[in-house]
Amino acid sequence: MKATLSFAPRENPGHESEKYYRLNYIPEDDRSTSIMNFGYEEIRDIQLKDWRASHFKFDTHGMMLTRLDTQLTYDEFSDKMQVEKVYLTEVWTLLSGMFKTEDVYIFEYLVCVFRPRHG
C-alpha cells in the first residue's frame, strides 16, 4: 500500500517558537476545508509497512502504536454521540494510564460520515 506523507519542514518560519496547527472543518456547503499556519511539503507514493512490528517509542520518535479494544461497533464510528460518549472516553483512559496523568485533553477529532452522492 502506498500513501502521501505531508509534513512541516524545519525550515518553516517560527519552527522553534510556534506550534503548528491545522484546522479541518466542514462548512454549511459540505466541502471540507483546512486552515494552516505553516507551509508543508509532501512526499508521494511512500510504501507503507506493517507498523504492528515497529518499535517506535513516544519519548524518542514522537509517535507510537498501541492497541485499544473499543466497545464501539464499526457502524457506530459514524455516530458522533457514540464516538464522544464511548470512544473518546476509552482514548482518554488509555492515554491517562500510559502517561500517568489525568491532564489529558482531546482538542480535536473528526467523525467522518460518508454520504451517498446524488446524480
PDB file of N, CA and C in Angstrom:
ATOM      1  N   MET A   1       0.843  -1.161   0.000  1.00  0.00           N
ATOM      2  CA  MET A   1       0.000   0.000   0.000  1.00  0.00           C
ATOM      3  C   MET A   1       0.899   1.238   0.000  1.00  0.00           C
ATOM      4  N   LYS A   2       0.474   2.256  -0.744  1.00  0.00           N
ATOM      5  CA  LYS A   2       1.246   3.490  -0.801  1.00  0.00           C
ATOM      6  C   LYS A   2       0.394   4.650  -0.304  1.00  0.00           C
ATOM      7  N   ALA A   3       1.070   5.697   0.198  1.00  0.00           N
ATOM      8  CA  ALA A   3       0.373   6.863   0.725  1.00  0.00           C
ATOM      9  C   ALA A   3       1.209   8.108   0.464  1.00  0.00           C
ATOM     10  N   THR A   4       0.628   9.259   0.788  1.00  0.00           N
ATOM     11  CA  THR A   4       1.335  10.524   0.706  1.00  0.00           C
ATOM     12  C   THR A   4       1.574  11.033   2.117  1.00  0.00           C
ATOM     13  N   LEU A   5       2.793  11.430   2.404  1.00  0.00           N
ATOM     14  CA  LEU A   5       3.162  11.970   3.705  1.00  0.00           C
ATOM     15  C   LEU A   5       3.263  13.482   3.593  1.00  0.00           C
ATOM     16  N   SER A   6       2.478  14.209   4.392  1.00  0.00           N
ATOM     17  CA  SER A   6       2.549  15.674   4.442  1.00  0.00           C
ATOM     18  C   SER A   6       3.222  16.056   5.748  1.00  0.00           C
ATOM     19  N   PHE A   7       4.165  16.993   5.677  1.00  0.00           N
ATOM     20  CA  PHE A   7       4.883  17.378   6.894  1.00  0.00           C
ATOM     21  C   PHE A   7       5.359  18.822   6.788  1.00  0.00           C
ATOM     22  N   ALA A   8       5.604  19.424   7.945  1.00  0.00           N
ATOM     23  CA  ALA A   8       6.126  20.789   8.015  1.00  0.00           C
ATOM     24  C   ALA A   8       7.645  20.700   8.097  1.00  0.00           C
ATOM     25  N   PRO A   9       8.349  21.246   7.131  1.00  0.00           N
ATOM     26  CA  PRO A   9       9.815  21.185   7.177  1.00  0.00           C
ATOM     27  C   PRO A   9      10.373  22.081   8.274  1.00  0.00           C
ATOM     28  N   ARG A  10      11.524  21.732   8.803  1.00  0.00           N
ATOM     29  CA  ARG A  10      12.154  22.504   9.870  1.00  0.00           C
ATOM     30  C   ARG A  10      12.507  23.924   9.433  1.00  0.00           C
ATOM     31  N   GLU A  11      12.599  24.178   8.148  1.00  0.00           N
ATOM     32  CA  GLU A  11      12.960  25.497   7.662  1.00  0.00           C
ATOM     33  C   GLU A  11      11.806  26.492   7.752  1.00  0.00           C
ATOM     34  N   ASN A  12      10.603  26.040   8.118  1.00  0.00           N
ATOM     35  CA  ASN A  12       9.456  26.941   8.235  1.00  0.00           C
ATOM     36  C   ASN A  12       9.733  28.036   9.251  1.00  0.00           C
ATOM     37  N   PRO A  13       9.333  29.282   8.961  1.00  0.00           N
ATOM     38  CA  PRO A  13       9.481  30.343   9.956  1.00  0.00           C
ATOM     39  C   PRO A  13       8.687  29.984  11.210  1.00  0.00           C
ATOM     40  N   GLY A  14       9.234  30.283  12.368  1.00  0.00           N
ATOM     41  CA  GLY A  14       8.545  30.008  13.621  1.00  0.00           C
ATOM     42  C   GLY A  14       8.692  28.588  14.116  1.00  0.00           C
ATOM     43  N   HIS A  15       9.499  27.778  13.435  1.00  0.00           N
ATOM     44  CA  HIS A  15       9.648  26.365  13.815  1.00  0.00           C
ATOM     45  C   HIS A  15       9.996  26.191  15.290  1.00  0.00           C
ATOM     46  N   GLU A  16      10.895  27.008  15.798  1.00  0.00           N
ATOM     47  CA  GLU A  16      11.353  26.857  17.181  1.00  0.00           C
ATOM     48  C   GLU A  16      10.411  27.481  18.204  1.00  0.00           C
ATOM     49  N   SER A  17       9.555  28.428  17.786  1.00  0.00           N
ATOM     50  CA  SER A  17       8.794  29.180  18.776  1.00  0.00           C
ATOM     51  C   SER A  17       7.283  29.076  18.654  1.00  0.00           C
ATOM     52  N   GLU A  18       6.773  28.487  17.594  1.00  0.00           N
ATOM     53  CA  GLU A  18       5.334  28.462  17.380  1.00  0.00           C
ATOM     54  C   GLU A  18       4.861  27.039  17.124  1.00  0.00           C
ATOM     55  N   LYS A  19       3.729  26.694  17.724  1.00  0.00           N
ATOM     56  CA  LYS A  19       3.164  25.375  17.492  1.00  0.00           C
ATOM     57  C   LYS A  19       2.329  25.414  16.216  1.00  0.00           C
ATOM     58  N   TYR A  20       2.604  24.497  15.314  1.00  0.00           N
ATOM     59  CA  TYR A  20       1.852  24.429  14.077  1.00  0.00           C
ATOM     60  C   TYR A  20       0.446  23.922  14.347  1.00  0.00           C
ATOM     61  N   TYR A  21      -0.494  24.376  13.544  1.00  0.00           N
ATOM     62  CA  TYR A  21      -1.833  23.842  13.658  1.00  0.00           C
ATOM     63  C   TYR A  21      -2.465  23.722  12.278  1.00  0.00           C
ATOM     64  N   ARG A  22      -3.419  22.859  12.215  1.00  0.00           N
ATOM     65  CA  ARG A  22      -4.230  22.700  11.010  1.00  0.00           C
ATOM     66  C   ARG A  22      -5.657  22.504  11.484  1.00  0.00           C
ATOM     67  N   LEU A  23      -6.544  23.362  11.042  1.00  0.00           N
ATOM     68  CA  LEU A  23      -7.954  23.273  11.412  1.00  0.00           C
ATOM     69  C   LEU A  23      -8.718  22.687  10.238  1.00  0.00           C
ATOM     70  N   ASN A  24      -9.406  21.591  10.482  1.00  0.00           N
ATOM     71  CA  ASN A  24     -10.250  20.978   9.461  1.00  0.00           C
ATOM     72  C   ASN A  24     -11.699  21.178   9.877  1.00  0.00           C
ATOM     73  N   TYR A  25     -12.514  21.616   8.962  1.00  0.00           N
ATOM     74  CA  TYR A  25     -13.918  21.774   9.289  1.00  0.00           C
ATOM     75  C   TYR A  25     -14.753  21.623   8.030  1.00  0.00           C
ATOM     76  N   ILE A  26     -16.031  21.405   8.228  1.00  0.00           N
ATOM     77  CA  ILE A  26     -16.959  21.264   7.114  1.00  0.00           C
ATOM     78  C   ILE A  26     -17.994  22.364   7.254  1.00  0.00           C
ATOM     79  N   PRO A  27     -17.924  23.403   6.416  1.00  0.00           N
ATOM     80  CA  PRO A  27     -18.902  24.482   6.478  1.00  0.00           C
ATOM     81  C   PRO A  27     -20.252  24.031   5.937  1.00  0.00           C
ATOM     82  N   GLU A  28     -21.202  24.930   5.894  1.00  0.00           N
ATOM     83  CA  GLU A  28     -22.566  24.581   5.501  1.00  0.00           C
ATOM     84  C   GLU A  28     -22.678  23.994   4.094  1.00  0.00           C
ATOM     85  N   ASP A  29     -21.744  24.313   3.216  1.00  0.00           N
ATOM     86  CA  ASP A  29     -21.838  23.789   1.849  1.00  0.00           C
ATOM     87  C   ASP A  29     -21.257  22.376   1.717  1.00  0.00           C
ATOM     88  N   ASP A  30     -20.885  21.758   2.853  1.00  0.00           N
ATOM     89  CA  ASP A  30     -20.413  20.363   2.898  1.00  0.00           C
ATOM     90  C   ASP A  30     -19.096  20.114   2.170  1.00  0.00           C
ATOM     91  N   ARG A  31     -18.306  21.149   1.925  1.00  0.00           N
ATOM     92  CA  ARG A  31     -16.986  20.960   1.315  1.00  0.00           C
ATOM     93  C   ARG A  31     -15.948  21.035   2.425  1.00  0.00           C
ATOM     94  N   SER A  32     -15.139  20.027   2.549  1.00  0.00           N
ATOM     95  CA  SER A  32     -14.112  20.004   3.581  1.00  0.00           C
ATOM     96  C   SER A  32     -13.123  21.144   3.354  1.00  0.00           C
ATOM     97  N   THR A  33     -12.749  21.831   4.430  1.00  0.00           N
ATOM     98  CA  THR A  33     -11.857  22.983   4.351  1.00  0.00           C
ATOM     99  C   THR A  33     -10.788  22.868   5.427  1.00  0.00           C
ATOM    100  N   SER A  34      -9.596  23.361   5.133  1.00  0.00           N
ATOM    101  CA  SER A  34      -8.498  23.369   6.098  1.00  0.00           C
ATOM    102  C   SER A  34      -7.885  24.759   6.154  1.00  0.00           C
ATOM    103  N   ILE A  35      -7.477  25.151   7.361  1.00  0.00           N
ATOM    104  CA  ILE A  35      -6.712  26.373   7.569  1.00  0.00           C
ATOM    105  C   ILE A  35      -5.440  25.962   8.295  1.00  0.00           C
ATOM    106  N   MET A  36      -4.271  26.406   7.791  1.00  0.00           N
ATOM    107  CA  MET A  36      -2.999  26.042   8.417  1.00  0.00           C
ATOM    108  C   MET A  36      -2.175  27.304   8.629  1.00  0.00           C
ATOM    109  N   ASN A  37      -1.315  27.280   9.643  1.00  0.00           N
ATOM    110  CA  ASN A  37      -0.411  28.406   9.873  1.00  0.00           C
ATOM    111  C   ASN A  37       1.022  28.050   9.474  1.00  0.00           C
ATOM    112  N   PHE A  38       1.189  27.130   8.551  1.00  0.00           N
ATOM    113  CA  PHE A  38       2.526  26.717   8.140  1.00  0.00           C
ATOM    114  C   PHE A  38       2.498  26.204   6.709  1.00  0.00           C
ATOM    115  N   GLY A  39       3.655  26.244   6.085  1.00  0.00           N
ATOM    116  CA  GLY A  39       3.806  25.626   4.782  1.00  0.00           C
ATOM    117  C   GLY A  39       4.157  24.158   4.982  1.00  0.00           C
ATOM    118  N   TYR A  40       3.832  23.345   4.048  1.00  0.00           N
ATOM    119  CA  TYR A  40       4.154  21.930   4.183  1.00  0.00           C
ATOM    120  C   TYR A  40       4.648  21.360   2.865  1.00  0.00           C
ATOM    121  N   GLU A  41       5.327  20.258   2.994  1.00  0.00           N
ATOM    122  CA  GLU A  41       5.815  19.531   1.830  1.00  0.00           C
ATOM    123  C   GLU A  41       5.147  18.175   1.802  1.00  0.00           C
ATOM    124  N   GLU A  42       5.154  17.565   0.660  1.00  0.00           N
ATOM    125  CA  GLU A  42       4.578  16.227   0.508  1.00  0.00           C
ATOM    126  C   GLU A  42       5.592  15.294  -0.131  1.00  0.00           C
ATOM    127  N   ILE A  43       5.587  14.089   0.329  1.00  0.00           N
ATOM    128  CA  ILE A  43       6.322  13.009  -0.323  1.00  0.00           C
ATOM    129  C   ILE A  43       5.259  12.004  -0.750  1.00  0.00           C
ATOM    130  N   ARG A  44       5.191  11.759  -2.032  1.00  0.00           N
ATOM    131  CA  ARG A  44       4.147  10.874  -2.566  1.00  0.00           C
ATOM    132  C   ARG A  44       4.664   9.445  -2.749  1.00  0.00           C
ATOM    133  N   ASP A  45       3.731   8.539  -2.777  1.00  0.00           N
ATOM    134  CA  ASP A  45       3.991   7.130  -3.061  1.00  0.00           C
ATOM    135  C   ASP A  45       4.959   6.489  -2.073  1.00  0.00           C
ATOM    136  N   ILE A  46       4.759   6.771  -0.800  1.00  0.00           N
ATOM    137  CA  ILE A  46       5.554   6.116   0.239  1.00  0.00           C
ATOM    138  C   ILE A  46       4.987   4.721   0.461  1.00  0.00           C
ATOM    139  N   GLN A  47       5.848   3.736   0.457  1.00  0.00           N
ATOM    140  CA  GLN A  47       5.416   2.372   0.705  1.00  0.00           C
ATOM    141  C   GLN A  47       5.120   2.202   2.197  1.00  0.00           C
ATOM    142  N   LEU A  48       3.883   1.870   2.526  1.00  0.00           N
ATOM    143  CA  LEU A  48       3.512   1.651   3.917  1.00  0.00           C
ATOM    144  C   LEU A  48       3.846   0.230   4.324  1.00  0.00           C
ATOM    145  N   LYS A  49       4.299   0.099   5.555  1.00  0.00           N
ATOM    146  CA  LYS A  49       4.642  -1.210   6.084  1.00  0.00           C
ATOM    147  C   LYS A  49       3.749  -1.522   7.265  1.00  0.00           C
ATOM    148  N   ASP A  50       3.812  -2.713   7.728  1.00  0.00           N
ATOM    149  CA  ASP A  50       3.025  -3.138   8.879  1.00  0.00           C
ATOM    150  C   ASP A  50       3.660  -2.571  10.144  1.00  0.00           C
ATOM    151  N   TRP A  51       3.029  -1.561  10.733  1.00  0.00           N
ATOM    152  CA  TRP A  51       3.562  -0.910  11.934  1.00  0.00           C
ATOM    153  C   TRP A  51       3.465  -1.790  13.168  1.00  0.00           C
ATOM    154  N   ARG A  52       2.670  -2.835  13.125  1.00  0.00           N
ATOM    155  CA  ARG A  52       2.477  -3.647  14.328  1.00  0.00           C
ATOM    156  C   ARG A  52       3.777  -4.259  14.826  1.00  0.00           C
ATOM    157  N   ALA A  53       4.754  -4.384  13.961  1.00  0.00           N
ATOM    158  CA  ALA A  53       6.048  -4.930  14.379  1.00  0.00           C
ATOM    159  C   ALA A  53       7.058  -3.826  14.682  1.00  0.00           C
ATOM    160  N   SER A  54       6.604  -2.562  14.673  1.00  0.00           N
ATOM    161  CA  SER A  54       7.537  -1.445  14.874  1.00  0.00           C
ATOM    162  C   SER A  54       7.905  -1.299  16.345  1.00  0.00           C
ATOM    163  N   HIS A  55       8.965  -0.570  16.566  1.00  0.00           N
ATOM    164  CA  HIS A  55       9.439  -0.318  17.926  1.00  0.00           C
ATOM    165  C   HIS A  55       9.493   1.180  18.193  1.00  0.00           C
ATOM    166  N   PHE A  56       8.557   1.934  17.609  1.00  0.00           N
ATOM    167  CA  PHE A  56       8.516   3.368  17.840  1.00  0.00           C
ATOM    168  C   PHE A  56       8.143   3.631  19.302  1.00  0.00           C
ATOM    169  N   LYS A  57       8.834   4.569  19.916  1.00  0.00           N
ATOM    170  CA  LYS A  57       8.553   4.969  21.292  1.00  0.00           C
ATOM    171  C   LYS A  57       8.208   6.453  21.288  1.00  0.00           C
ATOM    172  N   PHE A  58       7.185   6.826  22.050  1.00  0.00           N
ATOM    173  CA  PHE A  58       6.730   8.200  22.050  1.00  0.00           C
ATOM    174  C   PHE A  58       7.833   9.163  22.468  1.00  0.00           C
ATOM    175  N   ASP A  59       8.575   8.824  23.512  1.00  0.00           N
ATOM    176  CA  ASP A  59       9.624   9.716  24.013  1.00  0.00           C
ATOM    177  C   ASP A  59      10.746   9.932  22.992  1.00  0.00           C
ATOM    178  N   THR A  60      11.010   8.937  22.178  1.00  0.00           N
ATOM    179  CA  THR A  60      12.096   9.017  21.208  1.00  0.00           C
ATOM    180  C   THR A  60      11.631   9.531  19.854  1.00  0.00           C
ATOM    181  N   HIS A  61      10.502   9.021  19.363  1.00  0.00           N
ATOM    182  CA  HIS A  61      10.070   9.278  17.997  1.00  0.00           C
ATOM    183  C   HIS A  61       8.888  10.238  17.887  1.00  0.00           C
ATOM    184  N   GLY A  62       8.221  10.548  19.004  1.00  0.00           N
ATOM    185  CA  GLY A  62       7.062  11.432  18.960  1.00  0.00           C
ATOM    186  C   GLY A  62       5.811  10.754  18.454  1.00  0.00           C
ATOM    187  N   MET A  63       5.864   9.459  18.283  1.00  0.00           N
ATOM    188  CA  MET A  63       4.705   8.667  17.871  1.00  0.00           C
ATOM    189  C   MET A  63       4.896   7.243  18.348  1.00  0.00           C
ATOM    190  N   MET A  64       3.807   6.528  18.390  1.00  0.00           N
ATOM    191  CA  MET A  64       3.859   5.128  18.784  1.00  0.00           C
ATOM    192  C   MET A  64       2.574   4.459  18.343  1.00  0.00           C
ATOM    193  N   LEU A  65       2.550   3.183  18.416  1.00  0.00           N
ATOM    194  CA  LEU A  65       1.379   2.404  18.071  1.00  0.00           C
ATOM    195  C   LEU A  65       1.020   1.569  19.285  1.00  0.00           C
ATOM    196  N   THR A  66      -0.238   1.604  19.643  1.00  0.00           N
ATOM    197  CA  THR A  66      -0.692   0.786  20.767  1.00  0.00           C
ATOM    198  C   THR A  66      -2.073   0.239  20.449  1.00  0.00           C
ATOM    199  N   ARG A  67      -2.493  -0.718  21.202  1.00  0.00           N
ATOM    200  CA  ARG A  67      -3.787  -1.367  20.964  1.00  0.00           C
ATOM    201  C   ARG A  67      -4.856  -0.731  21.838  1.00  0.00           C
ATOM    202  N   LEU A  68      -6.025  -0.524  21.259  1.00  0.00           N
ATOM    203  CA  LEU A  68      -7.193  -0.050  22.002  1.00  0.00           C
ATOM    204  C   LEU A  68      -8.366  -0.914  21.597  1.00  0.00           C
ATOM    205  N   ASP A  69      -8.813  -1.749  22.505  1.00  0.00           N
ATOM    206  CA  ASP A  69     -10.001  -2.568  22.254  1.00  0.00           C
ATOM    207  C   ASP A  69     -11.218  -1.727  22.615  1.00  0.00           C
ATOM    208  N   THR A  70     -11.966  -1.311  21.612  1.00  0.00           N
ATOM    209  CA  THR A  70     -13.104  -0.435  21.842  1.00  0.00           C
ATOM    210  C   THR A  70     -14.404  -1.218  21.933  1.00  0.00           C
ATOM    211  N   GLN A  71     -15.360  -0.615  22.585  1.00  0.00           N
ATOM    212  CA  GLN A  71     -16.690  -1.208  22.684  1.00  0.00           C
ATOM    213  C   GLN A  71     -17.569  -0.841  21.487  1.00  0.00           C
ATOM    214  N   LEU A  72     -17.093   0.095  20.655  1.00  0.00           N
ATOM    215  CA  LEU A  72     -17.891   0.509  19.502  1.00  0.00           C
ATOM    216  C   LEU A  72     -17.859  -0.530  18.393  1.00  0.00           C
ATOM    217  N   THR A  73     -18.969  -0.640  17.709  1.00  0.00           N
ATOM    218  CA  THR A  73     -19.007  -1.460  16.504  1.00  0.00           C
ATOM    219  C   THR A  73     -18.550  -0.590  15.334  1.00  0.00           C
ATOM    220  N   TYR A  74     -18.269  -1.200  14.221  1.00  0.00           N
ATOM    221  CA  TYR A  74     -17.815  -0.466  13.038  1.00  0.00           C
ATOM    222  C   TYR A  74     -18.816   0.628  12.661  1.00  0.00           C
ATOM    223  N   ASP A  75     -20.096   0.306  12.635  1.00  0.00           N
ATOM    224  CA  ASP A  75     -21.125   1.273  12.235  1.00  0.00           C
ATOM    225  C   ASP A  75     -21.260   2.426  13.222  1.00  0.00           C
ATOM    226  N   GLU A  76     -20.946   2.203  14.489  1.00  0.00           N
ATOM    227  CA  GLU A  76     -21.091   3.264  15.499  1.00  0.00           C
ATOM    228  C   GLU A  76     -20.031   4.356  15.362  1.00  0.00           C
ATOM    229  N   PHE A  77     -18.972   4.109  14.606  1.00  0.00           N
ATOM    230  CA  PHE A  77     -17.944   5.130  14.427  1.00  0.00           C
ATOM    231  C   PHE A  77     -18.423   6.311  13.591  1.00  0.00           C
ATOM    232  N   SER A  78     -19.545   6.191  12.905  1.00  0.00           N
ATOM    233  CA  SER A  78     -20.093   7.335  12.174  1.00  0.00           C
ATOM    234  C   SER A  78     -21.139   8.080  12.996  1.00  0.00           C
ATOM    235  N   ASP A  79     -21.369   7.658  14.242  1.00  0.00           N
ATOM    236  CA  ASP A  79     -22.319   8.303  15.151  1.00  0.00           C
ATOM    237  C   ASP A  79     -21.535   9.191  16.121  1.00  0.00           C
ATOM    238  N   LYS A  80     -21.591  10.512  15.901  1.00  0.00           N
ATOM    239  CA  LYS A  80     -20.790  11.450  16.688  1.00  0.00           C
ATOM    240  C   LYS A  80     -21.040  11.304  18.189  1.00  0.00           C
ATOM    241  N   MET A  81     -22.280  11.105  18.595  1.00  0.00           N
ATOM    242  CA  MET A  81     -22.589  10.980  20.027  1.00  0.00           C
ATOM    243  C   MET A  81     -21.948   9.731  20.631  1.00  0.00           C
ATOM    244  N   GLN A  82     -21.970   8.619  19.899  1.00  0.00           N
ATOM    245  CA  GLN A  82     -21.342   7.389  20.379  1.00  0.00           C
ATOM    246  C   GLN A  82     -19.827   7.544  20.464  1.00  0.00           C
ATOM    247  N   VAL A  83     -19.243   8.199  19.452  1.00  0.00           N
ATOM    248  CA  VAL A  83     -17.795   8.430  19.467  1.00  0.00           C
ATOM    249  C   VAL A  83     -17.418   9.254  20.689  1.00  0.00           C
ATOM    250  N   GLU A  84     -18.174  10.329  20.948  1.00  0.00           N
ATOM    251  CA  GLU A  84     -17.874  11.185  22.098  1.00  0.00           C
ATOM    252  C   GLU A  84     -18.088  10.456  23.418  1.00  0.00           C
ATOM    253  N   LYS A  85     -19.156   9.724  23.526  1.00  0.00           N
ATOM    254  CA  LYS A  85     -19.513   9.062  24.790  1.00  0.00           C
ATOM    255  C   LYS A  85     -18.616   7.859  25.092  1.00  0.00           C
ATOM    256  N   VAL A  86     -18.373   7.034  24.104  1.00  0.00           N
ATOM    257  CA  VAL A  86     -17.668   5.774  24.329  1.00  0.00           C
ATOM    258  C   VAL A  86     -16.193   5.856  23.925  1.00  0.00           C
ATOM    259  N   TYR A  87     -15.937   6.141  22.643  1.00  0.00           N
ATOM    260  CA  TYR A  87     -14.583   6.033  22.114  1.00  0.00           C
ATOM    261  C   TYR A  87     -13.630   7.059  22.724  1.00  0.00           C
ATOM    262  N   LEU A  88     -14.037   8.318  22.794  1.00  0.00           N
ATOM    263  CA  LEU A  88     -13.137   9.330  23.348  1.00  0.00           C
ATOM    264  C   LEU A  88     -12.858   9.067  24.826  1.00  0.00           C
ATOM    265  N   THR A  89     -13.819   8.508  25.539  1.00  0.00           N
ATOM    266  CA  THR A  89     -13.578   8.109  26.933  1.00  0.00           C
ATOM    267  C   THR A  89     -12.544   6.991  26.990  1.00  0.00           C
ATOM    268  N   GLU A  90     -12.643   6.041  26.065  1.00  0.00           N
ATOM    269  CA  GLU A  90     -11.663   4.953  26.014  1.00  0.00           C
ATOM    270  C   GLU A  90     -10.267   5.487  25.669  1.00  0.00           C
ATOM    271  N   VAL A  91     -10.202   6.429  24.739  1.00  0.00           N
ATOM    272  CA  VAL A  91      -8.914   7.029  24.370  1.00  0.00           C
ATOM    273  C   VAL A  91      -8.338   7.776  25.568  1.00  0.00           C
ATOM    274  N   TRP A  92      -9.168   8.558  26.272  1.00  0.00           N
ATOM    275  CA  TRP A  92      -8.715   9.305  27.454  1.00  0.00           C
ATOM    276  C   TRP A  92      -8.166   8.346  28.509  1.00  0.00           C
ATOM    277  N   THR A  93      -8.882   7.262  28.764  1.00  0.00           N
ATOM    278  CA  THR A  93      -8.447   6.277  29.758  1.00  0.00           C
ATOM    279  C   THR A  93      -7.109   5.659  29.364  1.00  0.00           C
ATOM    280  N   LEU A  94      -6.961   5.307  28.107  1.00  0.00           N
ATOM    281  CA  LEU A  94      -5.713   4.725  27.622  1.00  0.00           C
ATOM    282  C   LEU A  94      -4.548   5.703  27.788  1.00  0.00           C
ATOM    283  N   LEU A  95      -4.728   6.944  27.321  1.00  0.00           N
ATOM    284  CA  LEU A  95      -3.645   7.925  27.371  1.00  0.00           C
ATOM    285  C   LEU A  95      -3.299   8.338  28.794  1.00  0.00           C
ATOM    286  N   SER A  96      -4.307   8.522  29.638  1.00  0.00           N
ATOM    287  CA  SER A  96      -4.006   8.918  31.017  1.00  0.00           C
ATOM    288  C   SER A  96      -3.263   7.807  31.748  1.00  0.00           C
ATOM    289  N   GLY A  97      -3.543   6.559  31.424  1.00  0.00           N
ATOM    290  CA  GLY A  97      -2.810   5.447  32.014  1.00  0.00           C
ATOM    291  C   GLY A  97      -1.389   5.345  31.489  1.00  0.00           C
ATOM    292  N   MET A  98      -1.223   5.531  30.184  1.00  0.00           N
ATOM    293  CA  MET A  98       0.104   5.428  29.576  1.00  0.00           C
ATOM    294  C   MET A  98       1.036   6.532  30.062  1.00  0.00           C
ATOM    295  N   PHE A  99       0.498   7.754  30.179  1.00  0.00           N
ATOM    296  CA  PHE A  99       1.325   8.895  30.563  1.00  0.00           C
ATOM    297  C   PHE A  99       1.227   9.225  32.052  1.00  0.00           C
ATOM    298  N   LYS A 100       0.472   8.390  32.785  1.00  0.00           N
ATOM    299  CA  LYS A 100       0.343   8.525  34.240  1.00  0.00           C
ATOM    300  C   LYS A 100      -0.050   9.944  34.651  1.00  0.00           C
ATOM    301  N   THR A 101      -1.142  10.432  34.050  1.00  0.00           N
ATOM    302  CA  THR A 101      -1.665  11.754  34.367  1.00  0.00           C
ATOM    303  C   THR A 101      -3.149  11.802  34.051  1.00  0.00           C
ATOM    304  N   GLU A 102      -3.853  12.688  34.730  1.00  0.00           N
ATOM    305  CA  GLU A 102      -5.253  12.922  34.393  1.00  0.00           C
ATOM    306  C   GLU A 102      -5.398  14.154  33.509  1.00  0.00           C
ATOM    307  N   ASP A 103      -4.277  14.809  33.201  1.00  0.00           N
ATOM    308  CA  ASP A 103      -4.283  16.002  32.363  1.00  0.00           C
ATOM    309  C   ASP A 103      -4.199  15.619  30.892  1.00  0.00           C
ATOM    310  N   VAL A 104      -5.210  14.930  30.408  1.00  0.00           N
ATOM    311  CA  VAL A 104      -5.303  14.541  29.006  1.00  0.00           C
ATOM    312  C   VAL A 104      -6.481  15.300  28.416  1.00  0.00           C
ATOM    313  N   TYR A 105      -6.206  16.040  27.367  1.00  0.00           N
ATOM    314  CA  TYR A 105      -7.246  16.820  26.706  1.00  0.00           C
ATOM    315  C   TYR A 105      -7.279  16.453  25.237  1.00  0.00           C
ATOM    316  N   ILE A 106      -8.424  16.099  24.750  1.00  0.00           N
ATOM    317  CA  ILE A 106      -8.602  15.785  23.336  1.00  0.00           C
ATOM    318  C   ILE A 106      -9.165  17.046  22.698  1.00  0.00           C
ATOM    319  N   PHE A 107      -8.307  17.775  21.993  1.00  0.00           N
ATOM    320  CA  PHE A 107      -8.688  19.061  21.443  1.00  0.00           C
ATOM    321  C   PHE A 107      -9.450  18.944  20.140  1.00  0.00           C
ATOM    322  N   GLU A 108      -9.107  17.978  19.353  1.00  0.00           N
ATOM    323  CA  GLU A 108      -9.699  17.911  18.031  1.00  0.00           C
ATOM    324  C   GLU A 108      -9.844  16.454  17.602  1.00  0.00           C
ATOM    325  N   TYR A 109     -10.963  16.163  17.005  1.00  0.00           N
ATOM    326  CA  TYR A 109     -11.186  14.847  16.420  1.00  0.00           C
ATOM    327  C   TYR A 109     -12.185  15.033  15.296  1.00  0.00           C
ATOM    328  N   LEU A 110     -12.286  14.065  14.453  1.00  0.00           N
ATOM    329  CA  LEU A 110     -13.151  14.172  13.290  1.00  0.00           C
ATOM    330  C   LEU A 110     -13.933  12.881  13.145  1.00  0.00           C
ATOM    331  N   VAL A 111     -15.234  13.006  13.028  1.00  0.00           N
ATOM    332  CA  VAL A 111     -16.088  11.862  12.738  1.00  0.00           C
ATOM    333  C   VAL A 111     -16.492  11.986  11.278  1.00  0.00           C
ATOM    334  N   CYS A 112     -16.089  11.023  10.473  1.00  0.00           N
ATOM    335  CA  CYS A 112     -16.413  11.051   9.043  1.00  0.00           C
ATOM    336  C   CYS A 112     -17.689  10.268   8.793  1.00  0.00           C
ATOM    337  N   VAL A 113     -18.607  10.905   8.153  1.00  0.00           N
ATOM    338  CA  VAL A 113     -19.849  10.247   7.758  1.00  0.00           C
ATOM    339  C   VAL A 113     -19.873  10.264   6.241  1.00  0.00           C
ATOM    340  N   PHE A 114     -19.923   9.103   5.663  1.00  0.00           N
ATOM    341  CA  PHE A 114     -19.928   9.005   4.219  1.00  0.00           C
ATOM    342  C   PHE A 114     -21.362   9.083   3.727  1.00  0.00           C
ATOM    343  N   ARG A 115     -21.621  10.115   2.939  1.00  0.00           N
ATOM    344  CA  ARG A 115     -22.960  10.330   2.402  1.00  0.00           C
ATOM    345  C   ARG A 115     -22.981   9.856   0.955  1.00  0.00           C
ATOM    346  N   PRO A 116     -24.058   9.209   0.554  1.00  0.00           N
ATOM    347  CA  PRO A 116     -24.130   8.796  -0.852  1.00  0.00           C
ATOM    348  C   PRO A 116     -24.207  10.028  -1.751  1.00  0.00           C
ATOM    349  N   ARG A 117     -23.519   9.975  -2.875  1.00  0.00           N
ATOM    350  CA  ARG A 117     -23.561  11.086  -3.827  1.00  0.00           C
ATOM    351  C   ARG A 117     -24.803  10.958  -4.698  1.00  0.00           C
ATOM    352  N   HIS A 118     -25.418  12.089  -4.938  1.00  0.00           N
ATOM    353  CA  HIS A 118     -26.614  12.107  -5.795  1.00  0.00           C
ATOM    354  C   HIS A 118     -26.227  12.568  -7.190  1.00  0.00           C
ATOM    355  N   GLY A 119     -26.842  11.973  -8.174  1.00  0.00           N
ATOM    356  CA  GLY A 119     -26.652  12.449  -9.539  1.00  0.00           C
ATOM    357  C   GLY A 119     -25.709  11.637 -10.289  1.00  0.00           C
TER     358      GLY A 119
END
